[in-house]
Amino acid sequence: PFTAFSHVDLPKVFGDRVPFDATEDYHEMAALTADRDAMIEVNTAGWR
């Protein structure tokens, strides 16, 4: 019963950016979120 999803790219937390082209993953994630009419969150903790 999720109504929103948080920190889509959490693995970068310690500074390790995704090492491959993740465009297709993001499109799949977005489509799944749209299909269930859930929200995505901009999480500001990454700046800290």
All heavy atoms as atom14 arrays in JSON, in Angstrom:
{
  "sequence": "PFTAFSHVDLPKVFGDRVPFDATEDYHEMAALTADRDAMIEVNTAGWR",
  "atom14_mask": [
    [1, 1, 1, 1, 1, 1, 1, 0, 0, 0, 0, 0, 0, 0],
    [1, 1, 1, 1, 1, 1, 1, 1, 1, 1, 1, 0, 0, 0],
    [1, 1, 1, 1, 1, 1, 1, 0, 0, 0, 0, 0, 0, 0],
    [1, 1, 1, 1, 1, 0, 0, 0, 0, 0, 0, 0, 0, 0],
    [1, 1, 1, 1, 1, 1, 1, 1, 1, 1, 1, 0, 0, 0],
    [1, 1, 1, 1, 1, 1, 0, 0, 0, 0, 0, 0, 0, 0],
    [1, 1, 1, 1, 1, 1, 1, 1, 1, 1, 0, 0, 0, 0],
    [1, 1, 1, 1, 1, 1, 1, 0, 0, 0, 0, 0, 0, 0],
    [1, 1, 1, 1, 1, 1, 1, 1, 0, 0, 0, 0, 0, 0],
    [1, 1, 1, 1, 1, 1, 1, 1, 0, 0, 0, 0, 0, 0],
    [1, 1, 1, 1, 1, 1, 1, 0, 0, 0, 0, 0, 0, 0],
    [1, 1, 1, 1, 1, 1, 1, 1, 1, 0, 0, 0, 0, 0],
    [1, 1, 1, 1, 1, 1, 1, 0, 0, 0, 0, 0, 0, 0],
    [1, 1, 1, 1, 1, 1, 1, 1, 1, 1, 1, 0, 0, 0],
    [1, 1, 1, 1, 0, 0, 0, 0, 0, 0, 0, 0, 0, 0],
    [1, 1, 1, 1, 1, 1, 1, 1, 0, 0, 0, 0, 0, 0],
    [1, 1, 1, 1, 1, 1, 1, 1, 1, 1, 1, 0, 0, 0],
    [1, 1, 1, 1, 1, 1, 1, 0, 0, 0, 0, 0, 0, 0],
    [1, 1, 1, 1, 1, 1, 1, 0, 0, 0, 0, 0, 0, 0],
    [1, 1, 1, 1, 1, 1, 1, 1, 1, 1, 1, 0, 0, 0],
    [1, 1, 1, 1, 1, 1, 1, 1, 0, 0, 0, 0, 0, 0],
    [1, 1, 1, 1, 1, 0, 0, 0, 0, 0, 0, 0, 0, 0],
    [1, 1, 1, 1, 1, 1, 1, 0, 0, 0, 0, 0, 0, 0],
    [1, 1, 1, 1, 1, 1, 1, 1, 1, 0, 0, 0, 0, 0],
    [1, 1, 1, 1, 1, 1, 1, 1, 0, 0, 0, 0, 0, 0],
    [1, 1, 1, 1, 1, 1, 1, 1, 1, 1, 1, 1, 0, 0],
    [1, 1, 1, 1, 1, 1, 1, 1, 1, 1, 0, 0, 0, 0],
    [1, 1, 1, 1, 1, 1, 1, 1, 1, 0, 0, 0, 0, 0],
    [1, 1, 1, 1, 1, 1, 1, 1, 0, 0, 0, 0, 0, 0],
    [1, 1, 1, 1, 1, 0, 0, 0, 0, 0, 0, 0, 0, 0],
    [1, 1, 1, 1, 1, 0, 0, 0, 0, 0, 0, 0, 0, 0],
    [1, 1, 1, 1, 1, 1, 1, 1, 0, 0, 0, 0, 0, 0],
    [1, 1, 1, 1, 1, 1, 1, 0, 0, 0, 0, 0, 0, 0],
    [1, 1, 1, 1, 1, 0, 0, 0, 0, 0, 0, 0, 0, 0],
    [1, 1, 1, 1, 1, 1, 1, 1, 0, 0, 0, 0, 0, 0],
    [1, 1, 1, 1, 1, 1, 1, 1, 1, 1, 1, 0, 0, 0],
    [1, 1, 1, 1, 1, 1, 1, 1, 0, 0, 0, 0, 0, 0],
    [1, 1, 1, 1, 1, 0, 0, 0, 0, 0, 0, 0, 0, 0],
    [1, 1, 1, 1, 1, 1, 1, 1, 0, 0, 0, 0, 0, 0],
    [1, 1, 1, 1, 1, 1, 1, 1, 0, 0, 0, 0, 0, 0],
    [1, 1, 1, 1, 1, 1, 1, 1, 1, 0, 0, 0, 0, 0],
    [1, 1, 1, 1, 1, 1, 1, 0, 0, 0, 0, 0, 0, 0],
    [1, 1, 1, 1, 1, 1, 1, 1, 0, 0, 0, 0, 0, 0],
    [1, 1, 1, 1, 1, 1, 1, 0, 0, 0, 0, 0, 0, 0],
    [1, 1, 1, 1, 1, 0, 0, 0, 0, 0, 0, 0, 0, 0],
    [1, 1, 1, 1, 0, 0, 0, 0, 0, 0, 0, 0, 0, 0],
    [1, 1, 1, 1, 1, 1, 1, 1, 1, 1, 1, 1, 1, 1],
    [1, 1, 1, 1, 1, 1, 1, 1, 1, 1, 1, 0, 0, 0]
  ],
  "atom14_positions": [
    [[0.79, -1.24, 0.0], [0.0, 0.0, 0.0], [0.82, 1.29, 0.0], [0.58, 2.21, 0.79], [-0.81, -0.13, 1.29], [0.09, -0.87, 2.22], [0.8, -1.88, 1.34], [0.0, 0.0, 0.0], [0.0, 0.0, 0.0], [0.0, 0.0, 0.0], [0.0, 0.0, 0.0], [0.0, 0.0, 0.0], [0.0, 0.0, 0.0], [0.0, 0.0, 0.0]],
    [[1.77, 1.4, -0.91], [2.6, 2.6, -0.97], [1.86, 3.74, -1.68], [1.24, 3.52, -2.72], [3.9, 2.32, -1.72], [4.74, 1.25, -1.1], [5.04, 0.09, -1.82], [5.24, 1.38, 0.17], [5.83, -0.91, -1.27], [6.04, 0.38, 0.74], [6.33, -0.76, 0.02], [0.0, 0.0, 0.0], [0.0, 0.0, 0.0], [0.0, 0.0, 0.0]],
    [[1.95, 4.94, -1.13], [1.37, 6.1, -1.79], [2.44, 6.99, -2.41], [2.13, 7.86, -3.23], [0.54, 6.94, -0.8], [1.29, 7.15, 0.4], [-0.75, 6.2, -0.44], [0.0, 0.0, 0.0], [0.0, 0.0, 0.0], [0.0, 0.0, 0.0], [0.0, 0.0, 0.0], [0.0, 0.0, 0.0], [0.0, 0.0, 0.0], [0.0, 0.0, 0.0]],
    [[3.69, 6.78, -2.03], [4.81, 7.54, -2.6], [6.08, 6.72, -2.45], [6.15, 5.79, -1.64], [4.96, 8.89, -1.9], [0.0, 0.0, 0.0], [0.0, 0.0, 0.0], [0.0, 0.0, 0.0], [0.0, 0.0, 0.0], [0.0, 0.0, 0.0], [0.0, 0.0, 0.0], [0.0, 0.0, 0.0], [0.0, 0.0, 0.0], [0.0, 0.0, 0.0]],
    [[7.09, 7.08, -3.23], [8.38, 6.4, -3.15], [9.49, 7.42, -2.89], [9.49, 8.53, -3.44], [8.69, 5.65, -4.44], [7.74, 4.51, -4.71], [6.94, 4.52, -5.84], [7.64, 3.44, -3.84], [6.07, 3.48, -6.1], [6.76, 2.4, -4.07], [5.96, 2.42, -5.21], [0.0, 0.0, 0.0], [0.0, 0.0, 0.0], [0.0, 0.0, 0.0]],
    [[10.44, 7.01, -2.05], [11.51, 7.9, -1.63], [12.86, 7.5, -2.24], [13.04, 6.38, -2.71], [11.62, 7.89, -0.11], [12.56, 8.83, 0.34], [0.0, 0.0, 0.0], [0.0, 0.0, 0.0], [0.0, 0.0, 0.0], [0.0, 0.0, 0.0], [0.0, 0.0, 0.0], [0.0, 0.0, 0.0], [0.0, 0.0, 0.0], [0.0, 0.0, 0.0]],
    [[13.79, 8.46, -2.18], [15.19, 8.32, -2.63], [15.41, 7.23, -3.7], [15.93, 6.16, -3.42], [16.17, 8.15, -1.47], [15.7, 7.37, -0.3], [15.34, 6.06, -0.36], [15.55, 7.74, 1.0], [15.0, 5.64, 0.84], [15.11, 6.64, 1.68], [0.0, 0.0, 0.0], [0.0, 0.0, 0.0], [0.0, 0.0, 0.0], [0.0, 0.0, 0.0]],
    [[14.98, 7.56, -4.92], [15.06, 6.66, -6.06], [16.48, 6.14, -6.3], [16.67, 4.99, -6.71], [14.55, 7.38, -7.33], [14.86, 6.58, -8.58], [13.05, 7.62, -7.21], [0.0, 0.0, 0.0], [0.0, 0.0, 0.0], [0.0, 0.0, 0.0], [0.0, 0.0, 0.0], [0.0, 0.0, 0.0], [0.0, 0.0, 0.0], [0.0, 0.0, 0.0]],
    [[17.48, 6.98, -6.06], [18.87, 6.6, -6.34], [19.71, 6.62, -5.06], [20.81, 7.17, -5.03], [19.48, 7.48, -7.43], [19.25, 8.97, -7.2], [18.63, 9.34, -6.19], [19.7, 9.77, -8.05], [0.0, 0.0, 0.0], [0.0, 0.0, 0.0], [0.0, 0.0, 0.0], [0.0, 0.0, 0.0], [0.0, 0.0, 0.0], [0.0, 0.0, 0.0]],
    [[19.21, 5.99, -4.04], [19.87, 5.96, -2.73], [21.32, 5.47, -2.76], [22.13, 5.93, -1.96], [19.06, 5.11, -1.75], [19.6, 4.99, -0.32], [19.63, 6.36, 0.37], [18.79, 4.0, 0.5], [0.0, 0.0, 0.0], [0.0, 0.0, 0.0], [0.0, 0.0, 0.0], [0.0, 0.0, 0.0], [0.0, 0.0, 0.0], [0.0, 0.0, 0.0]],
    [[21.72, 4.53, -3.64], [23.1, 4.05, -3.58], [24.18, 5.12, -3.76], [25.35, 4.86, -3.47], [23.16, 3.02, -4.73], [21.77, 2.49, -4.82], [20.91, 3.71, -4.57], [0.0, 0.0, 0.0], [0.0, 0.0, 0.0], [0.0, 0.0, 0.0], [0.0, 0.0, 0.0], [0.0, 0.0, 0.0], [0.0, 0.0, 0.0], [0.0, 0.0, 0.0]],
    [[23.8, 6.32, -4.21], [24.81, 7.37, -4.34], [25.11, 8.04, -2.99], [25.92, 8.97, -2.94], [24.36, 8.43, -5.34], [23.21, 9.31, -4.89], [22.75, 10.24, -6.0], [21.57, 11.11, -5.55], [21.01, 11.86, -6.68], [0.0, 0.0, 0.0], [0.0, 0.0, 0.0], [0.0, 0.0, 0.0], [0.0, 0.0, 0.0], [0.0, 0.0, 0.0]],
    [[24.49, 7.56, -1.9], [24.57, 8.21, -0.6], [26.0, 8.51, -0.17], [26.29, 9.56, 0.4], [23.83, 7.37, 0.47], [24.4, 5.97, 0.6], [23.82, 8.09, 1.81], [0.0, 0.0, 0.0], [0.0, 0.0, 0.0], [0.0, 0.0, 0.0], [0.0, 0.0, 0.0], [0.0, 0.0, 0.0], [0.0, 0.0, 0.0], [0.0, 0.0, 0.0]],
    [[26.94, 7.58, -0.44], [28.33, 7.79, -0.03], [29.19, 8.36, -1.15], [30.41, 8.44, -1.03], [28.94, 6.47, 0.46], [28.23, 5.9, 1.66], [27.66, 4.63, 1.63], [28.12, 6.63, 2.84], [27.0, 4.1, 2.73], [27.46, 6.11, 3.95], [26.9, 4.84, 3.89], [0.0, 0.0, 0.0], [0.0, 0.0, 0.0], [0.0, 0.0, 0.0]],
    [[28.55, 8.76, -2.24], [29.27, 9.42, -3.33], [29.49, 8.58, -4.56], [30.05, 9.07, -5.55], [0.0, 0.0, 0.0], [0.0, 0.0, 0.0], [0.0, 0.0, 0.0], [0.0, 0.0, 0.0], [0.0, 0.0, 0.0], [0.0, 0.0, 0.0], [0.0, 0.0, 0.0], [0.0, 0.0, 0.0], [0.0, 0.0, 0.0], [0.0, 0.0, 0.0]],
    [[29.09, 7.31, -4.55], [29.29, 6.43, -5.7], [28.14, 6.57, -6.69], [27.06, 6.0, -6.51], [29.39, 4.96, -5.24], [30.64, 4.69, -4.44], [31.73, 4.95, -4.96], [30.52, 4.23, -3.3], [0.0, 0.0, 0.0], [0.0, 0.0, 0.0], [0.0, 0.0, 0.0], [0.0, 0.0, 0.0], [0.0, 0.0, 0.0], [0.0, 0.0, 0.0]],
    [[28.35, 7.34, -7.76], [27.33, 7.52, -8.77], [27.14, 6.23, -9.57], [28.04, 5.38, -9.64], [27.7, 8.66, -9.72], [27.73, 10.04, -9.09], [26.34, 10.47, -8.65], [26.25, 11.88, -8.34], [26.48, 12.42, -7.15], [26.84, 11.64, -6.14], [26.35, 13.71, -6.95], [0.0, 0.0, 0.0], [0.0, 0.0, 0.0], [0.0, 0.0, 0.0]],
    [[25.98, 6.1, -10.17], [25.68, 4.9, -10.97], [26.71, 4.8, -12.09], [26.94, 5.75, -12.84], [24.24, 4.96, -11.51], [23.99, 6.19, -12.37], [23.88, 3.68, -12.24], [0.0, 0.0, 0.0], [0.0, 0.0, 0.0], [0.0, 0.0, 0.0], [0.0, 0.0, 0.0], [0.0, 0.0, 0.0], [0.0, 0.0, 0.0], [0.0, 0.0, 0.0]],
    [[27.39, 3.64, -12.23], [28.51, 3.52, -13.17], [28.1, 3.07, -14.57], [28.96, 2.72, -15.37], [29.39, 2.47, -12.49], [28.42, 1.57, -11.8], [27.28, 2.46, -11.34], [0.0, 0.0, 0.0], [0.0, 0.0, 0.0], [0.0, 0.0, 0.0], [0.0, 0.0, 0.0], [0.0, 0.0, 0.0], [0.0, 0.0, 0.0], [0.0, 0.0, 0.0]],
    [[26.8, 3.06, -14.86], [26.34, 2.66, -16.19], [25.16, 3.54, -16.57], [24.64, 4.31, -15.75], [25.94, 1.17, -16.2], [24.99, 0.77, -15.11], [23.62, 0.98, -15.2], [25.47, 0.16, -13.94], [22.75, 0.63, -14.19], [24.6, -0.21, -12.91], [23.25, 0.02, -13.04], [0.0, 0.0, 0.0], [0.0, 0.0, 0.0], [0.0, 0.0, 0.0]],
    [[24.75, 3.46, -17.81], [23.62, 4.25, -18.28], [22.33, 3.68, -17.67], [21.92, 2.57, -18.02], [23.55, 4.21, -19.81], [22.43, 5.08, -20.37], [21.66, 5.65, -19.58], [22.33, 5.17, -21.62], [0.0, 0.0, 0.0], [0.0, 0.0, 0.0], [0.0, 0.0, 0.0], [0.0, 0.0, 0.0], [0.0, 0.0, 0.0], [0.0, 0.0, 0.0]],
    [[21.71, 4.44, -16.79], [20.54, 3.96, -16.06], [19.23, 4.49, -16.66], [18.17, 4.34, -16.05], [20.63, 4.37, -14.59], [0.0, 0.0, 0.0], [0.0, 0.0, 0.0], [0.0, 0.0, 0.0], [0.0, 0.0, 0.0], [0.0, 0.0, 0.0], [0.0, 0.0, 0.0], [0.0, 0.0, 0.0], [0.0, 0.0, 0.0], [0.0, 0.0, 0.0]],
    [[19.31, 5.07, -17.86], [18.12, 5.68, -18.45], [16.97, 4.7, -18.55], [15.82, 5.01, -18.2], [18.45, 6.24, -19.84], [19.52, 7.18, -19.74], [17.23, 6.94, -20.44], [0.0, 0.0, 0.0], [0.0, 0.0, 0.0], [0.0, 0.0, 0.0], [0.0, 0.0, 0.0], [0.0, 0.0, 0.0], [0.0, 0.0, 0.0], [0.0, 0.0, 0.0]],
    [[17.24, 3.49, -19.02], [16.18, 2.49, -19.17], [15.59, 2.13, -17.81], [14.36, 1.96, -17.68], [16.71, 1.25, -19.86], [15.64, 0.2, -20.12], [16.16, -1.01, -20.9], [17.27, -0.92, -21.47], [15.46, -2.03, -20.93], [0.0, 0.0, 0.0], [0.0, 0.0, 0.0], [0.0, 0.0, 0.0], [0.0, 0.0, 0.0], [0.0, 0.0, 0.0]],
    [[16.44, 2.01, -16.8], [15.93, 1.71, -15.45], [15.01, 2.82, -14.97], [13.93, 2.54, -14.42], [17.1, 1.55, -14.47], [17.9, 0.29, -14.71], [17.35, -0.8, -14.53], [19.08, 0.41, -15.07], [0.0, 0.0, 0.0], [0.0, 0.0, 0.0], [0.0, 0.0, 0.0], [0.0, 0.0, 0.0], [0.0, 0.0, 0.0], [0.0, 0.0, 0.0]],
    [[15.4, 4.07, -15.16], [14.57, 5.18, -14.72], [13.22, 5.19, -15.44], [12.18, 5.46, -14.84], [15.29, 6.5, -14.93], [16.53, 6.7, -14.09], [17.65, 7.37, -14.59], [16.59, 6.23, -12.78], [18.79, 7.56, -13.82], [17.73, 6.41, -12.0], [18.82, 7.08, -12.53], [19.96, 7.25, -11.76], [0.0, 0.0, 0.0], [0.0, 0.0, 0.0]],
    [[13.23, 4.88, -16.72], [11.98, 4.83, -17.48], [11.07, 3.72, -16.93], [9.85, 3.93, -16.78], [12.24, 4.61, -18.96], [12.57, 5.87, -19.72], [11.63, 6.83, -19.99], [13.74, 6.31, -20.25], [12.2, 7.83, -20.67], [13.47, 7.54, -20.83], [0.0, 0.0, 0.0], [0.0, 0.0, 0.0], [0.0, 0.0, 0.0], [0.0, 0.0, 0.0]],
    [[11.65, 2.57, -16.63], [10.85, 1.47, -16.08], [10.29, 1.83, -14.71], [9.12, 1.54, -14.39], [11.7, 0.2, -16.0], [12.08, -0.39, -17.35], [13.02, -1.57, -17.22], [13.35, -1.95, -16.08], [13.45, -2.11, -18.26], [0.0, 0.0, 0.0], [0.0, 0.0, 0.0], [0.0, 0.0, 0.0], [0.0, 0.0, 0.0], [0.0, 0.0, 0.0]],
    [[11.12, 2.45, -13.89], [10.69, 2.85, -12.55], [9.57, 3.9, -12.62], [8.58, 3.83, -11.87], [11.89, 3.38, -11.76], [12.95, 2.31, -11.49], [14.59, 2.98, -11.14], [14.44, 3.34, -9.39], [0.0, 0.0, 0.0], [0.0, 0.0, 0.0], [0.0, 0.0, 0.0], [0.0, 0.0, 0.0], [0.0, 0.0, 0.0], [0.0, 0.0, 0.0]],
    [[9.72, 4.83, -13.53], [8.7, 5.86, -13.7], [7.39, 5.27, -14.18], [6.31, 5.65, -13.71], [9.2, 6.94, -14.66], [0.0, 0.0, 0.0], [0.0, 0.0, 0.0], [0.0, 0.0, 0.0], [0.0, 0.0, 0.0], [0.0, 0.0, 0.0], [0.0, 0.0, 0.0], [0.0, 0.0, 0.0], [0.0, 0.0, 0.0], [0.0, 0.0, 0.0]],
    [[7.47, 4.34, -15.13], [6.26, 3.71, -15.66], [5.53, 2.93, -14.58], [4.29, 2.98, -14.47], [6.61, 2.81, -16.84], [0.0, 0.0, 0.0], [0.0, 0.0, 0.0], [0.0, 0.0, 0.0], [0.0, 0.0, 0.0], [0.0, 0.0, 0.0], [0.0, 0.0, 0.0], [0.0, 0.0, 0.0], [0.0, 0.0, 0.0], [0.0, 0.0, 0.0]],
    [[6.27, 2.2, -13.75], [5.65, 1.44, -12.67], [4.99, 2.36, -11.65], [3.91, 2.07, -11.14], [6.7, 0.57, -11.98], [7.22, -0.63, -12.78], [8.45, -1.22, -12.1], [6.13, -1.69, -12.93], [0.0, 0.0, 0.0], [0.0, 0.0, 0.0], [0.0, 0.0, 0.0], [0.0, 0.0, 0.0], [0.0, 0.0, 0.0], [0.0, 0.0, 0.0]],
    [[5.63, 3.48, -11.37], [5.07, 4.44, -10.42], [3.81, 5.08, -10.98], [2.81, 5.24, -10.28], [6.11, 5.52, -10.08], [7.32, 4.89, -9.61], [5.6, 6.46, -9.01], [0.0, 0.0, 0.0], [0.0, 0.0, 0.0], [0.0, 0.0, 0.0], [0.0, 0.0, 0.0], [0.0, 0.0, 0.0], [0.0, 0.0, 0.0], [0.0, 0.0, 0.0]],
    [[3.84, 5.42, -12.27], [2.67, 6.02, -12.91], [1.51, 5.03, -12.95], [0.35, 5.41, -12.72], [3.03, 6.48, -14.32], [0.0, 0.0, 0.0], [0.0, 0.0, 0.0], [0.0, 0.0, 0.0], [0.0, 0.0, 0.0], [0.0, 0.0, 0.0], [0.0, 0.0, 0.0], [0.0, 0.0, 0.0], [0.0, 0.0, 0.0], [0.0, 0.0, 0.0]],
    [[1.81, 3.76, -13.22], [0.76, 2.75, -13.33], [-0.04, 2.62, -12.04], [-1.24, 2.32, -12.07], [1.35, 1.39, -13.7], [1.76, 1.32, -15.17], [1.36, 2.21, -15.94], [2.5, 0.38, -15.53], [0.0, 0.0, 0.0], [0.0, 0.0, 0.0], [0.0, 0.0, 0.0], [0.0, 0.0, 0.0], [0.0, 0.0, 0.0], [0.0, 0.0, 0.0]],
    [[0.6, 2.82, -10.9], [-0.09, 2.66, -9.62], [-0.53, 4.01, -9.05], [-1.03, 4.08, -7.93], [0.77, 1.9, -8.62], [2.06, 2.61, -8.23], [2.92, 1.73, -7.33], [2.23, 1.47, -6.07], [2.39, 0.36, -5.34], [3.22, -0.59, -5.75], [1.74, 0.19, -4.21], [0.0, 0.0, 0.0], [0.0, 0.0, 0.0], [0.0, 0.0, 0.0]],
    [[-0.31, 5.09, -9.81], [-0.68, 6.44, -9.4], [-0.07, 6.81, -8.06], [-0.7, 7.45, -7.21], [-2.2, 6.61, -9.35], [-2.62, 8.07, -9.22], [-1.87, 8.94, -9.71], [-3.69, 8.33, -8.63], [0.0, 0.0, 0.0], [0.0, 0.0, 0.0], [0.0, 0.0, 0.0], [0.0, 0.0, 0.0], [0.0, 0.0, 0.0], [0.0, 0.0, 0.0]],
    [[1.18, 6.41, -7.86], [1.91, 6.8, -6.66], [2.71, 8.07, -6.96], [2.92, 8.45, -8.12], [2.85, 5.68, -6.22], [0.0, 0.0, 0.0], [0.0, 0.0, 0.0], [0.0, 0.0, 0.0], [0.0, 0.0, 0.0], [0.0, 0.0, 0.0], [0.0, 0.0, 0.0], [0.0, 0.0, 0.0], [0.0, 0.0, 0.0], [0.0, 0.0, 0.0]],
    [[3.16, 8.72, -5.91], [3.99, 9.91, -6.05], [5.46, 9.53, -5.95], [5.82, 8.51, -5.36], [3.65, 10.92, -4.96], [2.27, 11.52, -5.05], [1.87, 12.62, -3.65], [1.39, 11.41, -2.41], [0.0, 0.0, 0.0], [0.0, 0.0, 0.0], [0.0, 0.0, 0.0], [0.0, 0.0, 0.0], [0.0, 0.0, 0.0], [0.0, 0.0, 0.0]],
    [[6.3, 10.37, -6.52], [7.73, 10.27, -6.29], [8.11, 11.44, -5.37], [7.41, 12.45, -5.34], [8.51, 10.34, -7.62], [9.93, 9.8, -7.44], [8.53, 11.74, -8.2], [9.96, 8.32, -7.15], [0.0, 0.0, 0.0], [0.0, 0.0, 0.0], [0.0, 0.0, 0.0], [0.0, 0.0, 0.0], [0.0, 0.0, 0.0], [0.0, 0.0, 0.0]],
    [[9.17, 11.28, -4.65], [9.59, 12.31, -3.71], [10.94, 12.89, -4.12], [11.86, 12.15, -4.46], [9.72, 11.68, -2.31], [10.29, 12.61, -1.26], [10.83, 11.85, -0.05], [11.93, 11.27, -0.16], [10.15, 11.82, 0.98], [0.0, 0.0, 0.0], [0.0, 0.0, 0.0], [0.0, 0.0, 0.0], [0.0, 0.0, 0.0], [0.0, 0.0, 0.0]],
    [[11.04, 14.22, -4.07], [12.37, 14.84, -4.06], [12.8, 14.89, -2.61], [12.15, 15.52, -1.77], [12.35, 16.26, -4.66], [13.74, 16.9, -4.5], [11.98, 16.22, -6.13], [0.0, 0.0, 0.0], [0.0, 0.0, 0.0], [0.0, 0.0, 0.0], [0.0, 0.0, 0.0], [0.0, 0.0, 0.0], [0.0, 0.0, 0.0], [0.0, 0.0, 0.0]],
    [[13.87, 14.18, -2.32], [14.37, 14.04, -0.96], [15.61, 14.92, -0.82], [16.61, 14.72, -1.51], [14.69, 12.57, -0.7], [15.12, 12.27, 0.72], [16.03, 12.91, 1.23], [14.5, 11.29, 1.34], [0.0, 0.0, 0.0], [0.0, 0.0, 0.0], [0.0, 0.0, 0.0], [0.0, 0.0, 0.0], [0.0, 0.0, 0.0], [0.0, 0.0, 0.0]],
    [[15.54, 15.88, 0.09], [16.63, 16.86, 0.19], [17.81, 16.38, 1.03], [18.83, 17.06, 1.1], [16.12, 18.19, 0.78], [15.85, 18.04, 2.18], [14.87, 18.67, 0.06], [0.0, 0.0, 0.0], [0.0, 0.0, 0.0], [0.0, 0.0, 0.0], [0.0, 0.0, 0.0], [0.0, 0.0, 0.0], [0.0, 0.0, 0.0], [0.0, 0.0, 0.0]],
    [[17.69, 15.21, 1.65], [18.77, 14.72, 2.53], [20.06, 14.49, 1.78], [21.14, 14.53, 2.36], [18.34, 13.45, 3.24], [0.0, 0.0, 0.0], [0.0, 0.0, 0.0], [0.0, 0.0, 0.0], [0.0, 0.0, 0.0], [0.0, 0.0, 0.0], [0.0, 0.0, 0.0], [0.0, 0.0, 0.0], [0.0, 0.0, 0.0], [0.0, 0.0, 0.0]],
    [[19.97, 14.23, 0.47], [21.19, 13.99, -0.31], [22.15, 15.16, -0.28], [23.37, 14.98, -0.39], [0.0, 0.0, 0.0], [0.0, 0.0, 0.0], [0.0, 0.0, 0.0], [0.0, 0.0, 0.0], [0.0, 0.0, 0.0], [0.0, 0.0, 0.0], [0.0, 0.0, 0.0], [0.0, 0.0, 0.0], [0.0, 0.0, 0.0], [0.0, 0.0, 0.0]],
    [[21.62, 16.37, -0.12], [22.48, 17.55, -0.01], [23.24, 17.56, 1.3], [24.24, 18.29, 1.43], [21.66, 18.82, -0.15], [21.31, 19.18, -1.56], [22.18, 19.28, -2.61], [20.01, 19.49, -2.09], [21.5, 19.63, -3.76], [20.17, 19.77, -3.47], [18.75, 19.56, -1.54], [19.1, 20.12, -4.29], [17.68, 19.91, -2.35], [17.86, 20.19, -3.71]],
    [[22.79, 16.8, 2.27], [23.46, 16.73, 3.57], [24.31, 15.48, 3.72], [24.79, 15.17, 4.81], [22.41, 16.78, 4.7], [21.44, 17.94, 4.59], [20.59, 18.14, 5.84], [19.72, 17.03, 6.16], [18.51, 16.82, 5.64], [18.02, 17.65, 4.72], [17.78, 15.79, 6.03], [0.0, 0.0, 0.0], [0.0, 0.0, 0.0], [0.0, 0.0, 0.0]]
  ]
}
